[in-house]
Amino acid sequence: MIHTIAFDVGETLVRDDRYWGAWADWFRVPRHTVSAIVGAVVAQGKDNAEALRLIQPGVDVRSAYDAREAAGRGEYLDETDVYDDVRPAFAALRQQGIQVVVAGNQTVKAGELLRGLDLPADLIATSGGWGVAKPDPRFFTRVVEAAGVPAEQVLYVGDHPQNDVFPARRAGLRTAHLRRGPWGHLWADDPQVVAAVDYRINGLMDLLRIVSG
């Protein structure tokens, strides 16, 4: 039985275009350059922040983030960043009695921005607020605690194998890999991903079939 569905954020619920585009503008490099380098480092199994260090060697990412915020060019989200199926899927899942939790590797500010969108979710949490980030198993412990049910009754949905699928599975949660965004498409048919997940979905509305099946 699935009681709670917990969702990753970047490229699961919202597009990352604006996020990486803003970094490209800040460093005054073409947006395509940033996108390509981010893709390369993630495909190599590295943290995507390494892309920023390749673009500007020696950069302190935290200090650069703070400088952007101080300059009025910091994080921002609005309705155009949200994938079209998020609201209808969340609303339909809750109508079926499923608890909807948003929990991803985002800053405290990103959490505030997400809450400001008034998504039909029961809880919105971020790694910045919890003080622990994926793939750390303690992040998924927090997800289970937030759900208030055993881990096997929680389904974690995400696009990234190393941050979402594999650590969630190790923590005892059920998992769904979403074919969306660069990582979702890159690893959608990877044999290790296919073997590890409980479900493979092409959009969030596919979850309705899963919970009603």
N, C-alpha and C. Protein backbone atom coordinates (compact mmCIF):
# COMPACT_ATOMS: atom_id res chain seq x y z
N MET A 1 0.83 -1.19 0.00
CA MET A 1 0.00 0.00 0.00
C MET A 1 0.87 1.25 0.00
N ILE A 2 0.56 2.20 -0.86
CA ILE A 2 1.27 3.48 -0.89
C ILE A 2 0.43 4.51 -0.15
N HIS A 3 1.01 5.05 0.90
CA HIS A 3 0.32 6.07 1.71
C HIS A 3 0.76 7.47 1.31
N THR A 4 2.05 7.60 1.01
CA THR A 4 2.64 8.91 0.72
C THR A 4 3.49 8.83 -0.54
N ILE A 5 3.37 9.85 -1.38
CA ILE A 5 4.29 9.99 -2.51
C ILE A 5 5.11 11.25 -2.27
N ALA A 6 6.43 11.08 -2.25
CA ALA A 6 7.36 12.20 -2.05
C ALA A 6 8.06 12.49 -3.36
N PHE A 7 8.23 13.76 -3.64
CA PHE A 7 8.75 14.19 -4.94
C PHE A 7 10.05 14.97 -4.81
N ASP A 8 11.00 14.61 -5.66
CA ASP A 8 12.15 15.45 -5.95
C ASP A 8 11.62 16.76 -6.55
N VAL A 9 12.48 17.77 -6.65
CA VAL A 9 12.02 19.07 -7.16
C VAL A 9 12.56 19.36 -8.56
N GLY A 10 13.88 19.57 -8.67
CA GLY A 10 14.46 19.98 -9.95
C GLY A 10 14.28 18.95 -11.04
N GLU A 11 13.67 19.33 -12.15
CA GLU A 11 13.39 18.49 -13.31
C GLU A 11 12.44 17.34 -12.99
N THR A 12 11.79 17.42 -11.83
CA THR A 12 10.67 16.54 -11.52
C THR A 12 9.41 17.38 -11.44
N LEU A 13 9.50 18.47 -10.67
CA LEU A 13 8.37 19.40 -10.54
C LEU A 13 8.59 20.70 -11.29
N VAL A 14 9.83 21.19 -11.27
CA VAL A 14 10.12 22.47 -11.91
C VAL A 14 11.31 22.32 -12.87
N ARG A 15 11.30 23.14 -13.91
CA ARG A 15 12.40 23.17 -14.87
C ARG A 15 13.61 23.85 -14.24
N ASP A 16 14.77 23.39 -14.63
CA ASP A 16 16.01 23.99 -14.11
C ASP A 16 16.58 25.05 -15.04
N ASP A 17 15.87 25.34 -16.14
CA ASP A 17 16.40 26.31 -17.11
C ASP A 17 16.76 27.64 -16.46
N ARG A 18 15.84 28.18 -15.68
CA ARG A 18 16.07 29.49 -15.08
C ARG A 18 17.25 29.45 -14.11
N TYR A 19 17.35 28.37 -13.33
CA TYR A 19 18.40 28.25 -12.33
C TYR A 19 19.79 28.33 -12.98
N TRP A 20 20.00 27.47 -14.00
CA TRP A 20 21.33 27.45 -14.63
C TRP A 20 21.53 28.65 -15.54
N GLY A 21 20.46 29.15 -16.13
CA GLY A 21 20.58 30.35 -16.95
C GLY A 21 21.04 31.54 -16.13
N ALA A 22 20.55 31.64 -14.89
CA ALA A 22 20.95 32.74 -14.02
C ALA A 22 22.42 32.66 -13.65
N TRP A 23 22.91 31.43 -13.44
CA TRP A 23 24.34 31.28 -13.16
C TRP A 23 25.18 31.66 -14.40
N ALA A 24 24.72 31.28 -15.56
CA ALA A 24 25.44 31.64 -16.79
C ALA A 24 25.52 33.15 -16.93
N ASP A 25 24.41 33.82 -16.69
CA ASP A 25 24.39 35.29 -16.80
C ASP A 25 25.31 35.93 -15.77
N TRP A 26 25.33 35.35 -14.56
CA TRP A 26 26.17 35.91 -13.50
C TRP A 26 27.65 35.81 -13.85
N PHE A 27 28.04 34.68 -14.43
CA PHE A 27 29.44 34.48 -14.79
C PHE A 27 29.76 35.00 -16.19
N ARG A 28 28.74 35.52 -16.87
CA ARG A 28 28.90 36.11 -18.21
C ARG A 28 29.47 35.12 -19.21
N VAL A 29 28.87 33.95 -19.24
CA VAL A 29 29.21 32.94 -20.23
C VAL A 29 27.92 32.50 -20.92
N PRO A 30 28.00 31.98 -22.12
CA PRO A 30 26.78 31.53 -22.82
C PRO A 30 26.02 30.48 -22.01
N ARG A 31 24.72 30.56 -22.07
CA ARG A 31 23.89 29.60 -21.33
C ARG A 31 24.14 28.17 -21.80
N HIS A 32 24.35 28.01 -23.10
CA HIS A 32 24.61 26.67 -23.61
C HIS A 32 25.88 26.09 -23.01
N THR A 33 26.88 26.93 -22.77
CA THR A 33 28.13 26.47 -22.17
C THR A 33 27.86 25.87 -20.80
N VAL A 34 27.08 26.58 -19.99
CA VAL A 34 26.77 26.09 -18.66
C VAL A 34 25.98 24.78 -18.73
N SER A 35 24.97 24.75 -19.59
CA SER A 35 24.15 23.54 -19.72
C SER A 35 25.00 22.34 -20.11
N ALA A 36 25.89 22.54 -21.07
CA ALA A 36 26.72 21.43 -21.55
C ALA A 36 27.67 20.95 -20.46
N ILE A 37 28.27 21.88 -19.72
CA ILE A 37 29.21 21.48 -18.67
C ILE A 37 28.48 20.80 -17.52
N VAL A 38 27.31 21.30 -17.15
CA VAL A 38 26.52 20.64 -16.11
C VAL A 38 26.21 19.20 -16.53
N GLY A 39 25.79 19.03 -17.77
CA GLY A 39 25.50 17.69 -18.26
C GLY A 39 26.70 16.78 -18.20
N ALA A 40 27.85 17.32 -18.55
CA ALA A 40 29.07 16.51 -18.57
C ALA A 40 29.47 16.06 -17.17
N VAL A 41 29.45 16.97 -16.20
CA VAL A 41 29.89 16.60 -14.86
C VAL A 41 28.91 15.63 -14.20
N VAL A 42 27.61 15.83 -14.43
CA VAL A 42 26.63 14.92 -13.84
C VAL A 42 26.75 13.53 -14.47
N ALA A 43 26.96 13.47 -15.78
CA ALA A 43 27.12 12.18 -16.45
C ALA A 43 28.35 11.44 -15.94
N GLN A 44 29.33 12.20 -15.43
CA GLN A 44 30.54 11.61 -14.85
C GLN A 44 30.34 11.22 -13.39
N GLY A 45 29.15 11.44 -12.85
CA GLY A 45 28.86 11.09 -11.47
C GLY A 45 29.28 12.12 -10.45
N LYS A 46 29.56 13.35 -10.91
CA LYS A 46 29.99 14.41 -10.00
C LYS A 46 28.81 15.30 -9.63
N ASP A 47 28.97 16.04 -8.56
CA ASP A 47 27.95 17.01 -8.15
C ASP A 47 27.88 18.13 -9.18
N ASN A 48 26.65 18.59 -9.47
CA ASN A 48 26.53 19.60 -10.53
C ASN A 48 27.20 20.93 -10.18
N ALA A 49 27.47 21.18 -8.90
CA ALA A 49 28.19 22.39 -8.52
C ALA A 49 29.60 22.42 -9.09
N GLU A 50 30.12 21.22 -9.44
CA GLU A 50 31.46 21.18 -10.05
C GLU A 50 31.48 21.92 -11.38
N ALA A 51 30.33 22.03 -12.03
CA ALA A 51 30.27 22.78 -13.29
C ALA A 51 30.65 24.24 -13.06
N LEU A 52 30.18 24.80 -11.96
CA LEU A 52 30.48 26.20 -11.66
C LEU A 52 31.97 26.39 -11.39
N ARG A 53 32.60 25.39 -10.79
CA ARG A 53 34.03 25.49 -10.50
C ARG A 53 34.87 25.32 -11.75
N LEU A 54 34.33 24.63 -12.75
CA LEU A 54 35.03 24.53 -14.03
C LEU A 54 34.92 25.85 -14.79
N ILE A 55 33.77 26.49 -14.67
CA ILE A 55 33.56 27.76 -15.37
C ILE A 55 34.38 28.87 -14.74
N GLN A 56 34.43 28.87 -13.40
CA GLN A 56 35.24 29.87 -12.69
C GLN A 56 36.07 29.15 -11.63
N PRO A 57 37.27 28.70 -12.01
CA PRO A 57 38.10 27.94 -11.08
C PRO A 57 38.33 28.68 -9.76
N GLY A 58 38.20 27.91 -8.69
CA GLY A 58 38.42 28.47 -7.36
C GLY A 58 37.24 29.19 -6.76
N VAL A 59 36.12 29.25 -7.49
CA VAL A 59 34.97 29.98 -6.98
C VAL A 59 34.43 29.32 -5.73
N ASP A 60 34.03 30.14 -4.76
CA ASP A 60 33.30 29.68 -3.59
C ASP A 60 31.82 29.80 -3.94
N VAL A 61 31.18 28.67 -4.18
CA VAL A 61 29.80 28.68 -4.67
C VAL A 61 28.87 29.37 -3.69
N ARG A 62 29.06 29.14 -2.40
CA ARG A 62 28.19 29.77 -1.39
C ARG A 62 28.34 31.28 -1.42
N SER A 63 29.56 31.76 -1.53
CA SER A 63 29.78 33.21 -1.58
C SER A 63 29.20 33.80 -2.85
N ALA A 64 29.35 33.08 -3.98
CA ALA A 64 28.78 33.56 -5.23
C ALA A 64 27.27 33.60 -5.17
N TYR A 65 26.67 32.60 -4.53
CA TYR A 65 25.21 32.58 -4.34
C TYR A 65 24.76 33.80 -3.54
N ASP A 66 25.48 34.07 -2.44
CA ASP A 66 25.13 35.21 -1.59
C ASP A 66 25.29 36.53 -2.35
N ALA A 67 26.33 36.61 -3.18
CA ALA A 67 26.55 37.83 -3.96
C ALA A 67 25.42 38.05 -4.96
N ARG A 68 24.94 36.99 -5.57
CA ARG A 68 23.80 37.10 -6.49
C ARG A 68 22.57 37.60 -5.75
N GLU A 69 22.33 37.04 -4.58
CA GLU A 69 21.17 37.46 -3.80
C GLU A 69 21.28 38.95 -3.43
N ALA A 70 22.46 39.36 -3.01
CA ALA A 70 22.67 40.75 -2.61
C ALA A 70 22.48 41.71 -3.78
N ALA A 71 22.78 41.23 -4.98
CA ALA A 71 22.65 42.06 -6.18
C ALA A 71 21.24 42.02 -6.77
N GLY A 72 20.34 41.30 -6.11
CA GLY A 72 18.98 41.20 -6.62
C GLY A 72 18.85 40.27 -7.81
N ARG A 73 19.80 39.36 -7.95
CA ARG A 73 19.79 38.43 -9.09
C ARG A 73 19.83 36.98 -8.59
N GLY A 74 19.17 36.77 -7.47
CA GLY A 74 19.20 35.45 -6.85
C GLY A 74 18.11 34.52 -7.35
N GLU A 75 17.86 33.48 -6.56
CA GLU A 75 16.89 32.46 -6.94
C GLU A 75 15.50 33.05 -7.14
N TYR A 76 14.81 32.46 -8.12
CA TYR A 76 13.45 32.92 -8.39
C TYR A 76 12.68 31.77 -9.04
N LEU A 77 11.43 31.62 -8.67
CA LEU A 77 10.54 30.65 -9.27
C LEU A 77 9.17 31.28 -9.45
N ASP A 78 8.53 30.97 -10.56
CA ASP A 78 7.13 31.33 -10.70
C ASP A 78 6.41 30.22 -11.42
N GLU A 79 5.16 30.45 -11.75
CA GLU A 79 4.33 29.39 -12.32
C GLU A 79 4.89 28.85 -13.64
N THR A 80 5.62 29.68 -14.39
CA THR A 80 6.15 29.22 -15.67
C THR A 80 7.24 28.16 -15.51
N ASP A 81 7.80 28.05 -14.31
CA ASP A 81 8.84 27.05 -14.06
C ASP A 81 8.26 25.67 -13.73
N VAL A 82 6.98 25.62 -13.39
CA VAL A 82 6.35 24.38 -12.94
C VAL A 82 5.86 23.57 -14.14
N TYR A 83 6.18 22.29 -14.16
CA TYR A 83 5.69 21.43 -15.24
C TYR A 83 4.17 21.35 -15.20
N ASP A 84 3.58 21.21 -16.39
CA ASP A 84 2.13 21.32 -16.53
C ASP A 84 1.35 20.26 -15.77
N ASP A 85 1.96 19.11 -15.54
CA ASP A 85 1.20 18.03 -14.90
C ASP A 85 1.28 18.04 -13.38
N VAL A 86 2.03 18.97 -12.80
CA VAL A 86 2.24 18.96 -11.35
C VAL A 86 0.95 19.22 -10.58
N ARG A 87 0.29 20.32 -10.87
CA ARG A 87 -0.92 20.65 -10.12
C ARG A 87 -2.03 19.61 -10.30
N PRO A 88 -2.35 19.21 -11.54
CA PRO A 88 -3.42 18.21 -11.66
C PRO A 88 -3.07 16.87 -11.03
N ALA A 89 -1.80 16.46 -11.11
CA ALA A 89 -1.41 15.19 -10.50
C ALA A 89 -1.49 15.28 -8.98
N PHE A 90 -0.98 16.34 -8.40
CA PHE A 90 -1.04 16.50 -6.95
C PHE A 90 -2.49 16.50 -6.46
N ALA A 91 -3.32 17.27 -7.14
CA ALA A 91 -4.72 17.38 -6.72
C ALA A 91 -5.42 16.02 -6.82
N ALA A 92 -5.18 15.30 -7.91
CA ALA A 92 -5.83 14.01 -8.09
C ALA A 92 -5.34 12.98 -7.08
N LEU A 93 -4.05 13.01 -6.78
CA LEU A 93 -3.50 12.09 -5.78
C LEU A 93 -4.11 12.34 -4.41
N ARG A 94 -4.25 13.57 -4.03
CA ARG A 94 -4.83 13.89 -2.73
C ARG A 94 -6.31 13.50 -2.68
N GLN A 95 -6.98 13.62 -3.79
CA GLN A 95 -8.38 13.20 -3.84
C GLN A 95 -8.51 11.70 -3.62
N GLN A 96 -7.47 10.96 -3.97
CA GLN A 96 -7.46 9.52 -3.76
C GLN A 96 -6.92 9.14 -2.37
N GLY A 97 -6.68 10.14 -1.53
CA GLY A 97 -6.23 9.88 -0.18
C GLY A 97 -4.74 9.72 -0.01
N ILE A 98 -3.97 10.08 -1.04
CA ILE A 98 -2.51 9.98 -0.97
C ILE A 98 -1.94 11.27 -0.40
N GLN A 99 -1.04 11.14 0.56
CA GLN A 99 -0.33 12.30 1.10
C GLN A 99 0.77 12.70 0.12
N VAL A 100 0.84 13.98 -0.21
CA VAL A 100 1.81 14.48 -1.17
C VAL A 100 2.87 15.30 -0.45
N VAL A 101 4.12 14.88 -0.59
CA VAL A 101 5.25 15.54 0.06
C VAL A 101 6.24 15.96 -1.01
N VAL A 102 6.72 17.18 -0.93
CA VAL A 102 7.78 17.67 -1.80
C VAL A 102 9.05 17.74 -0.97
N ALA A 103 10.10 17.06 -1.40
CA ALA A 103 11.35 17.04 -0.64
C ALA A 103 12.53 16.88 -1.60
N GLY A 104 13.31 17.95 -1.78
CA GLY A 104 14.42 17.89 -2.72
C GLY A 104 15.64 18.63 -2.21
N ASN A 105 16.69 18.58 -3.00
CA ASN A 105 17.94 19.26 -2.67
C ASN A 105 17.86 20.71 -3.12
N GLN A 106 17.24 21.53 -2.30
CA GLN A 106 17.11 22.95 -2.59
C GLN A 106 17.45 23.77 -1.36
N THR A 107 17.64 25.05 -1.60
CA THR A 107 17.97 25.96 -0.51
C THR A 107 16.72 26.30 0.30
N VAL A 108 16.95 26.97 1.42
CA VAL A 108 15.84 27.46 2.24
C VAL A 108 14.97 28.42 1.43
N LYS A 109 15.62 29.29 0.66
CA LYS A 109 14.85 30.25 -0.15
C LYS A 109 14.01 29.53 -1.19
N ALA A 110 14.56 28.51 -1.81
CA ALA A 110 13.79 27.76 -2.81
C ALA A 110 12.56 27.16 -2.17
N GLY A 111 12.69 26.69 -0.94
CA GLY A 111 11.53 26.16 -0.24
C GLY A 111 10.46 27.22 -0.05
N GLU A 112 10.89 28.43 0.30
CA GLU A 112 9.94 29.52 0.47
C GLU A 112 9.25 29.86 -0.86
N LEU A 113 10.03 29.85 -1.93
CA LEU A 113 9.47 30.15 -3.25
C LEU A 113 8.46 29.08 -3.66
N LEU A 114 8.78 27.82 -3.38
CA LEU A 114 7.86 26.74 -3.70
C LEU A 114 6.56 26.86 -2.91
N ARG A 115 6.68 27.18 -1.64
CA ARG A 115 5.46 27.35 -0.83
C ARG A 115 4.63 28.52 -1.33
N GLY A 116 5.31 29.54 -1.85
CA GLY A 116 4.61 30.70 -2.38
C GLY A 116 3.80 30.39 -3.63
N LEU A 117 4.09 29.27 -4.28
CA LEU A 117 3.34 28.87 -5.47
C LEU A 117 2.01 28.21 -5.12
N ASP A 118 1.82 27.92 -3.84
CA ASP A 118 0.56 27.34 -3.35
C ASP A 118 0.22 26.05 -4.08
N LEU A 119 1.20 25.17 -4.19
CA LEU A 119 0.97 23.86 -4.79
C LEU A 119 0.08 23.02 -3.88
N PRO A 120 -0.76 22.14 -4.43
CA PRO A 120 -1.62 21.29 -3.61
C PRO A 120 -0.84 20.13 -2.98
N ALA A 121 0.08 20.47 -2.06
CA ALA A 121 0.92 19.48 -1.39
C ALA A 121 0.69 19.59 0.12
N ASP A 122 0.91 18.47 0.80
CA ASP A 122 0.74 18.45 2.25
C ASP A 122 1.96 19.00 2.97
N LEU A 123 3.12 18.89 2.35
CA LEU A 123 4.36 19.37 2.96
C LEU A 123 5.36 19.69 1.87
N ILE A 124 6.08 20.80 2.04
CA ILE A 124 7.19 21.15 1.16
C ILE A 124 8.42 21.36 2.03
N ALA A 125 9.45 20.56 1.79
CA ALA A 125 10.69 20.63 2.58
C ALA A 125 11.88 20.62 1.64
N THR A 126 12.99 21.18 2.10
CA THR A 126 14.21 21.20 1.30
C THR A 126 15.40 20.76 2.15
N SER A 127 16.44 20.34 1.45
CA SER A 127 17.67 19.94 2.14
C SER A 127 18.24 21.10 2.94
N GLY A 128 18.10 22.33 2.41
CA GLY A 128 18.59 23.49 3.14
C GLY A 128 17.89 23.66 4.47
N GLY A 129 16.61 23.42 4.50
CA GLY A 129 15.85 23.53 5.74
C GLY A 129 16.13 22.38 6.69
N TRP A 130 16.34 21.19 6.15
CA TRP A 130 16.59 20.03 6.99
C TRP A 130 18.03 19.91 7.44
N GLY A 131 18.94 20.56 6.72
CA GLY A 131 20.35 20.47 7.07
C GLY A 131 21.00 19.17 6.64
N VAL A 132 20.40 18.48 5.70
CA VAL A 132 20.97 17.25 5.16
C VAL A 132 20.46 17.09 3.73
N ALA A 133 21.34 16.66 2.84
CA ALA A 133 21.00 16.61 1.41
C ALA A 133 21.14 15.20 0.85
N LYS A 134 20.36 14.91 -0.19
CA LYS A 134 20.53 13.66 -0.93
C LYS A 134 21.94 13.62 -1.54
N PRO A 135 22.54 12.46 -1.61
CA PRO A 135 22.01 11.12 -1.34
C PRO A 135 22.21 10.62 0.09
N ASP A 136 22.51 11.48 1.02
CA ASP A 136 22.70 11.07 2.41
C ASP A 136 21.46 10.31 2.89
N PRO A 137 21.63 9.13 3.47
CA PRO A 137 20.48 8.35 3.93
C PRO A 137 19.64 9.08 4.97
N ARG A 138 20.25 10.03 5.69
CA ARG A 138 19.48 10.78 6.69
C ARG A 138 18.41 11.65 6.05
N PHE A 139 18.62 12.05 4.80
CA PHE A 139 17.59 12.81 4.09
C PHE A 139 16.33 11.97 3.94
N PHE A 140 16.51 10.70 3.57
CA PHE A 140 15.35 9.83 3.36
C PHE A 140 14.73 9.41 4.69
N THR A 141 15.53 9.40 5.74
CA THR A 141 14.96 9.20 7.08
C THR A 141 14.00 10.34 7.40
N ARG A 142 14.39 11.55 7.04
CA ARG A 142 13.52 12.71 7.26
C ARG A 142 12.25 12.62 6.42
N VAL A 143 12.38 12.11 5.21
CA VAL A 143 11.20 11.95 4.35
C VAL A 143 10.22 10.99 5.01
N VAL A 144 10.72 9.87 5.50
CA VAL A 144 9.86 8.87 6.14
C VAL A 144 9.24 9.45 7.41
N GLU A 145 10.01 10.17 8.18
CA GLU A 145 9.48 10.80 9.40
C GLU A 145 8.37 11.78 9.05
N ALA A 146 8.57 12.55 7.98
CA ALA A 146 7.56 13.51 7.56
C ALA A 146 6.29 12.81 7.11
N ALA A 147 6.45 11.64 6.47
CA ALA A 147 5.30 10.88 6.00
C ALA A 147 4.52 10.29 7.17
N GLY A 148 5.22 9.93 8.21
CA GLY A 148 4.55 9.38 9.39
C GLY A 148 4.09 7.95 9.23
N VAL A 149 4.67 7.24 8.27
CA VAL A 149 4.32 5.84 8.01
C VAL A 149 5.61 5.06 7.76
N PRO A 150 5.56 3.73 7.76
CA PRO A 150 6.76 2.96 7.45
C PRO A 150 7.31 3.28 6.06
N ALA A 151 8.62 3.11 5.89
CA ALA A 151 9.29 3.46 4.64
C ALA A 151 8.67 2.76 3.45
N GLU A 152 8.23 1.52 3.62
CA GLU A 152 7.70 0.77 2.48
C GLU A 152 6.35 1.31 1.99
N GLN A 153 5.76 2.23 2.74
CA GLN A 153 4.51 2.86 2.31
C GLN A 153 4.75 4.23 1.66
N VAL A 154 6.02 4.57 1.46
CA VAL A 154 6.38 5.84 0.84
C VAL A 154 7.01 5.57 -0.53
N LEU A 155 6.50 6.26 -1.53
CA LEU A 155 7.06 6.17 -2.89
C LEU A 155 7.80 7.47 -3.18
N TYR A 156 9.09 7.36 -3.51
CA TYR A 156 9.87 8.54 -3.85
C TYR A 156 10.01 8.63 -5.36
N VAL A 157 9.67 9.80 -5.90
CA VAL A 157 9.67 10.03 -7.35
C VAL A 157 10.78 11.01 -7.71
N GLY A 158 11.63 10.64 -8.64
CA GLY A 158 12.70 11.54 -9.06
C GLY A 158 13.28 11.14 -10.40
N ASP A 159 14.14 12.01 -10.91
CA ASP A 159 14.73 11.80 -12.23
C ASP A 159 16.18 11.32 -12.19
N HIS A 160 16.82 11.42 -11.02
CA HIS A 160 18.27 11.21 -10.93
C HIS A 160 18.57 9.91 -10.17
N PRO A 161 19.20 8.93 -10.80
CA PRO A 161 19.47 7.67 -10.11
C PRO A 161 20.29 7.81 -8.84
N GLN A 162 21.42 8.55 -8.92
CA GLN A 162 22.32 8.63 -7.78
C GLN A 162 21.74 9.42 -6.61
N ASN A 163 20.92 10.41 -6.90
CA ASN A 163 20.35 11.23 -5.83
C ASN A 163 18.98 10.76 -5.37
N ASP A 164 18.25 10.10 -6.27
CA ASP A 164 16.86 9.76 -5.98
C ASP A 164 16.63 8.26 -5.86
N VAL A 165 16.78 7.56 -6.97
CA VAL A 165 16.39 6.15 -7.03
C VAL A 165 17.21 5.27 -6.09
N PHE A 166 18.52 5.28 -6.24
CA PHE A 166 19.34 4.33 -5.49
C PHE A 166 19.32 4.59 -3.98
N PRO A 167 19.53 5.83 -3.52
CA PRO A 167 19.51 6.04 -2.07
C PRO A 167 18.14 5.83 -1.45
N ALA A 168 17.08 6.19 -2.17
CA ALA A 168 15.73 5.96 -1.64
C ALA A 168 15.47 4.47 -1.48
N ARG A 169 15.88 3.71 -2.47
CA ARG A 169 15.70 2.25 -2.39
C ARG A 169 16.48 1.67 -1.22
N ARG A 170 17.72 2.12 -1.05
CA ARG A 170 18.53 1.62 0.07
C ARG A 170 17.90 1.96 1.41
N ALA A 171 17.17 3.07 1.46
CA ALA A 171 16.52 3.49 2.70
C ALA A 171 15.20 2.76 2.93
N GLY A 172 14.80 1.90 2.00
CA GLY A 172 13.60 1.11 2.18
C GLY A 172 12.34 1.68 1.56
N LEU A 173 12.46 2.83 0.87
CA LEU A 173 11.30 3.42 0.22
C LEU A 173 11.07 2.73 -1.12
N ARG A 174 9.85 2.81 -1.63
CA ARG A 174 9.60 2.43 -3.00
C ARG A 174 10.09 3.57 -3.89
N THR A 175 10.36 3.25 -5.15
CA THR A 175 10.93 4.28 -6.02
C THR A 175 10.26 4.29 -7.39
N ALA A 176 10.18 5.48 -7.96
CA ALA A 176 9.71 5.66 -9.33
C ALA A 176 10.68 6.59 -10.05
N HIS A 177 11.17 6.14 -11.19
CA HIS A 177 12.06 6.98 -11.99
C HIS A 177 11.26 7.68 -13.07
N LEU A 178 11.43 9.00 -13.14
CA LEU A 178 10.69 9.82 -14.08
C LEU A 178 11.55 10.16 -15.30
N ARG A 179 11.05 9.82 -16.47
CA ARG A 179 11.75 10.18 -17.70
C ARG A 179 11.42 11.64 -18.01
N ARG A 180 12.19 12.53 -17.45
CA ARG A 180 11.97 13.97 -17.62
C ARG A 180 13.28 14.70 -17.37
N GLY A 181 13.52 15.74 -18.13
CA GLY A 181 14.75 16.49 -17.95
C GLY A 181 15.95 15.70 -18.46
N PRO A 182 17.13 16.30 -18.44
CA PRO A 182 18.31 15.64 -19.00
C PRO A 182 18.67 14.33 -18.32
N TRP A 183 18.61 14.30 -16.99
CA TRP A 183 19.02 13.08 -16.28
C TRP A 183 17.95 12.00 -16.42
N GLY A 184 16.70 12.40 -16.40
CA GLY A 184 15.63 11.43 -16.56
C GLY A 184 15.68 10.71 -17.89
N HIS A 185 16.01 11.45 -18.94
CA HIS A 185 16.13 10.84 -20.25
C HIS A 185 17.43 10.05 -20.38
N LEU A 186 18.51 10.59 -19.82
CA LEU A 186 19.81 9.94 -19.95
C LEU A 186 19.81 8.54 -19.37
N TRP A 187 19.17 8.38 -18.21
CA TRP A 187 19.24 7.11 -17.49
C TRP A 187 17.95 6.30 -17.52
N ALA A 188 16.99 6.72 -18.32
CA ALA A 188 15.69 6.05 -18.30
C ALA A 188 15.77 4.56 -18.61
N ASP A 189 16.66 4.18 -19.51
CA ASP A 189 16.75 2.78 -19.91
C ASP A 189 18.02 2.10 -19.42
N ASP A 190 18.70 2.74 -18.49
CA ASP A 190 19.90 2.14 -17.93
C ASP A 190 19.53 0.86 -17.17
N PRO A 191 20.21 -0.25 -17.44
CA PRO A 191 19.84 -1.52 -16.80
C PRO A 191 19.83 -1.47 -15.28
N GLN A 192 20.76 -0.74 -14.67
CA GLN A 192 20.78 -0.66 -13.22
C GLN A 192 19.57 0.10 -12.68
N VAL A 193 19.17 1.14 -13.39
CA VAL A 193 17.99 1.90 -12.98
C VAL A 193 16.74 1.05 -13.13
N VAL A 194 16.62 0.40 -14.28
CA VAL A 194 15.46 -0.45 -14.54
C VAL A 194 15.33 -1.53 -13.47
N ALA A 195 16.46 -2.10 -13.06
CA ALA A 195 16.44 -3.17 -12.06
C ALA A 195 16.12 -2.64 -10.66
N ALA A 196 16.46 -1.38 -10.40
CA ALA A 196 16.32 -0.85 -9.05
C ALA A 196 14.95 -0.28 -8.74
N VAL A 197 14.25 0.21 -9.77
CA VAL A 197 13.01 0.95 -9.48
C VAL A 197 11.80 0.02 -9.41
N ASP A 198 10.80 0.49 -8.67
CA ASP A 198 9.51 -0.21 -8.65
C ASP A 198 8.67 0.18 -9.85
N TYR A 199 8.82 1.45 -10.27
CA TYR A 199 8.01 1.95 -11.38
C TYR A 199 8.85 2.87 -12.26
N ARG A 200 8.52 2.89 -13.55
CA ARG A 200 9.11 3.82 -14.49
C ARG A 200 7.96 4.61 -15.10
N ILE A 201 8.05 5.95 -15.02
CA ILE A 201 6.93 6.76 -15.47
C ILE A 201 7.41 7.83 -16.44
N ASN A 202 6.50 8.26 -17.31
CA ASN A 202 6.81 9.30 -18.29
C ASN A 202 6.21 10.65 -17.91
N GLY A 203 5.38 10.67 -16.89
CA GLY A 203 4.77 11.90 -16.41
C GLY A 203 4.11 11.63 -15.08
N LEU A 204 3.77 12.68 -14.36
CA LEU A 204 3.24 12.51 -13.01
C LEU A 204 1.84 11.92 -13.00
N MET A 205 1.08 12.10 -14.06
CA MET A 205 -0.26 11.53 -14.10
C MET A 205 -0.21 10.00 -14.13
N ASP A 206 0.93 9.42 -14.51
CA ASP A 206 1.08 7.97 -14.48
C ASP A 206 0.95 7.43 -13.06
N LEU A 207 1.19 8.27 -12.08
CA LEU A 207 1.12 7.83 -10.68
C LEU A 207 -0.30 7.46 -10.27
N LEU A 208 -1.29 8.04 -10.93
CA LEU A 208 -2.67 7.75 -10.59
C LEU A 208 -2.99 6.28 -10.88
N ARG A 209 -2.46 5.77 -11.97
CA ARG A 209 -2.64 4.37 -12.30
C ARG A 209 -1.97 3.48 -11.26
N ILE A 210 -0.82 3.91 -10.79
CA ILE A 210 -0.07 3.12 -9.80
C ILE A 210 -0.82 3.03 -8.48
N VAL A 211 -1.33 4.13 -7.97
CA VAL A 211 -1.98 4.11 -6.67
C VAL A 211 -3.37 3.50 -6.73
N SER A 212 -3.96 3.44 -7.90
CA SER A 212 -5.30 2.85 -8.01
C SER A 212 -5.25 1.40 -8.47
N GLY A 213 -4.05 0.93 -8.81
CA GLY A 213 -3.92 -0.42 -9.34
C GLY A 213 -3.97 -1.48 -8.26
